[in-house]
C-alpha atoms as a PDB file:
ATOM      1  CA  UNK A   1      40.317 -67.722-111.318  1.00  0.00           C
ATOM      2  CA  UNK A   2      41.971 -66.864-108.003  1.00  0.00           C
ATOM      3  CA  UNK A   3      39.563 -69.146-106.116  1.00  0.00           C
ATOM      4  CA  UNK A   4      40.594 -72.184-108.171  1.00  0.00           C
ATOM      5  CA  UNK A   5      44.253 -71.419-107.556  1.00  0.00           C
ATOM      6  CA  UNK A   6      43.591 -71.097-103.834  1.00  0.00           C
ATOM      7  CA  UNK A   7      41.888 -74.516-103.748  1.00  0.00           C
ATOM      8  CA  UNK A   8      44.903 -76.179-105.370  1.00  0.00           C
ATOM      9  CA  UNK A   9      47.348 -75.201-102.636  1.00  0.00           C
ATOM     10  CA  UNK A  10      48.283 -77.517 -99.789  1.00  0.00           C
ATOM     11  CA  UNK A  11      46.239 -75.777 -97.086  1.00  0.00           C
ATOM     12  CA  UNK A  12      44.407 -78.055 -94.632  1.00  0.00           C
ATOM     13  CA  UNK A  13      40.776 -78.929 -95.334  1.00  0.00           C
ATOM     14  CA  UNK A  14      38.528 -79.128 -92.247  1.00  0.00           C
ATOM     15  CA  UNK A  15      35.072 -80.740 -92.397  1.00  0.00           C
ATOM     16  CA  UNK A  16      32.592 -80.014 -89.589  1.00  0.00           C
ATOM     17  CA  UNK A  17      29.325 -81.936 -89.025  1.00  0.00           C
ATOM     18  CA  UNK A  18      26.455 -79.539 -89.552  1.00  0.00           C
ATOM     19  CA  UNK A  19      24.366 -81.172 -86.811  1.00  0.00           C
ATOM     20  CA  UNK A  20      26.690 -82.039 -83.896  1.00  0.00           C
ATOM     21  CA  UNK A  21      29.743 -79.904 -84.811  1.00  0.00           C
ATOM     22  CA  UNK A  22      32.208 -82.820 -84.634  1.00  0.00           C
ATOM     23  CA  UNK A  23      35.298 -82.469 -86.810  1.00  0.00           C
ATOM     24  CA  UNK A  24      36.390 -85.118 -89.320  1.00  0.00           C
ATOM     25  CA  UNK A  25      39.985 -86.034 -88.579  1.00  0.00           C
ATOM     26  CA  UNK A  26      42.624 -87.973 -90.435  1.00  0.00           C
ATOM     27  CA  UNK A  27      41.382 -91.315 -91.660  1.00  0.00           C
ATOM     28  CA  UNK A  28      37.764 -90.146 -91.712  1.00  0.00           C
ATOM     29  CA  UNK A  29      37.145 -90.443 -87.980  1.00  0.00           C
ATOM     30  CA  UNK A  30      34.770 -87.932 -86.403  1.00  0.00           C
ATOM     31  CA  UNK A  31      35.687 -86.447 -83.044  1.00  0.00           C
ATOM     32  CA  UNK A  32      34.647 -83.643 -80.743  1.00  0.00           C
ATOM     33  CA  UNK A  33      37.072 -80.785 -80.965  1.00  0.00           C
ATOM     34  CA  UNK A  34      37.355 -78.591 -77.924  1.00  0.00           C
ATOM     35  CA  UNK A  35      40.746 -77.272 -79.006  1.00  0.00           C
ATOM     36  CA  UNK A  36      40.869 -74.329 -81.404  1.00  0.00           C
ATOM     37  CA  UNK A  37      42.742 -74.886 -84.663  1.00  0.00           C
ATOM     38  CA  UNK A  38      46.115 -73.130 -84.512  1.00  0.00           C
ATOM     39  CA  UNK A  39      47.664 -74.333 -87.782  1.00  0.00           C
ATOM     40  CA  UNK A  40      48.041 -72.565 -91.117  1.00  0.00           C
ATOM     41  CA  UNK A  41      45.036 -71.046 -92.863  1.00  0.00           C
ATOM     42  CA  UNK A  42      42.511 -73.797 -93.594  1.00  0.00           C
ATOM     43  CA  UNK A  43      39.544 -74.329 -95.849  1.00  0.00           C
ATOM     44  CA  UNK A  44      36.436 -75.153 -93.798  1.00  0.00           C
ATOM     45  CA  UNK A  45      33.488 -77.081 -95.192  1.00  0.00           C
ATOM     46  CA  UNK A  46      30.399 -78.744 -93.785  1.00  0.00           C
ATOM     47  CA  UNK A  47      29.314 -82.343 -93.878  1.00  0.00           C
ATOM     48  CA  UNK A  48      27.379 -84.805 -91.758  1.00  0.00           C
ATOM     49  CA  UNK A  49      28.858 -87.522 -89.579  1.00  0.00           C
ATOM     50  CA  UNK A  50      27.512 -91.098 -89.824  1.00  0.00           C
ATOM     51  CA  UNK A  51      25.781 -90.902 -86.421  1.00  0.00           C
ATOM     52  CA  UNK A  52      23.838 -87.759 -87.366  1.00  0.00           C
ATOM     53  CA  UNK A  53      23.092 -89.130 -90.842  1.00  0.00           C
ATOM     54  CA  UNK A  54      21.416 -92.197 -89.286  1.00  0.00           C
ATOM     55  CA  UNK A  55      19.578 -90.036 -86.734  1.00  0.00           C
ATOM     56  CA  UNK A  56      18.275 -87.472 -89.239  1.00  0.00           C
ATOM     57  CA  UNK A  57      17.788 -89.651 -92.330  1.00  0.00           C
ATOM     58  CA  UNK A  58      17.056 -93.215 -91.146  1.00  0.00           C
ATOM     59  CA  UNK A  59      15.375 -94.068 -94.450  1.00  0.00           C
ATOM     60  CA  UNK A  60      18.685 -93.483 -96.285  1.00  0.00           C
ATOM     61  CA  UNK A  61      21.144 -94.549 -93.559  1.00  0.00           C
ATOM     62  CA  UNK A  62      19.772 -97.609 -91.732  1.00  0.00           C
ATOM     63  CA  UNK A  63      21.354 -98.654 -88.453  1.00  0.00           C
ATOM     64  CA  UNK A  64      24.292-101.010 -88.991  1.00  0.00           C
ATOM     65  CA  UNK A  65      22.426-103.899 -87.304  1.00  0.00           C
ATOM     66  CA  UNK A  66      19.488-103.376 -89.725  1.00  0.00           C
ATOM     67  CA  UNK A  67      21.697-103.678 -92.812  1.00  0.00           C
ATOM     68  CA  UNK A  68      22.938-107.138 -91.739  1.00  0.00           C
ATOM     69  CA  UNK A  69      19.412-108.596 -91.815  1.00  0.00           C
END
């Protein structure tokens, strides 16, 4: 019960690419983060950025030029 309550608060949610360790920023952009996070306590989760998704799973994420054909 306490976990659900903790998820409902307004703490920041940080998503890190499992492969390249880029951080998803505001607006869904992925960027390298060399600066440690100094804000309030945050929830950290993993994901995969579009570049790594295409590199690791090309059968599911074709290159953008391939999808236009």
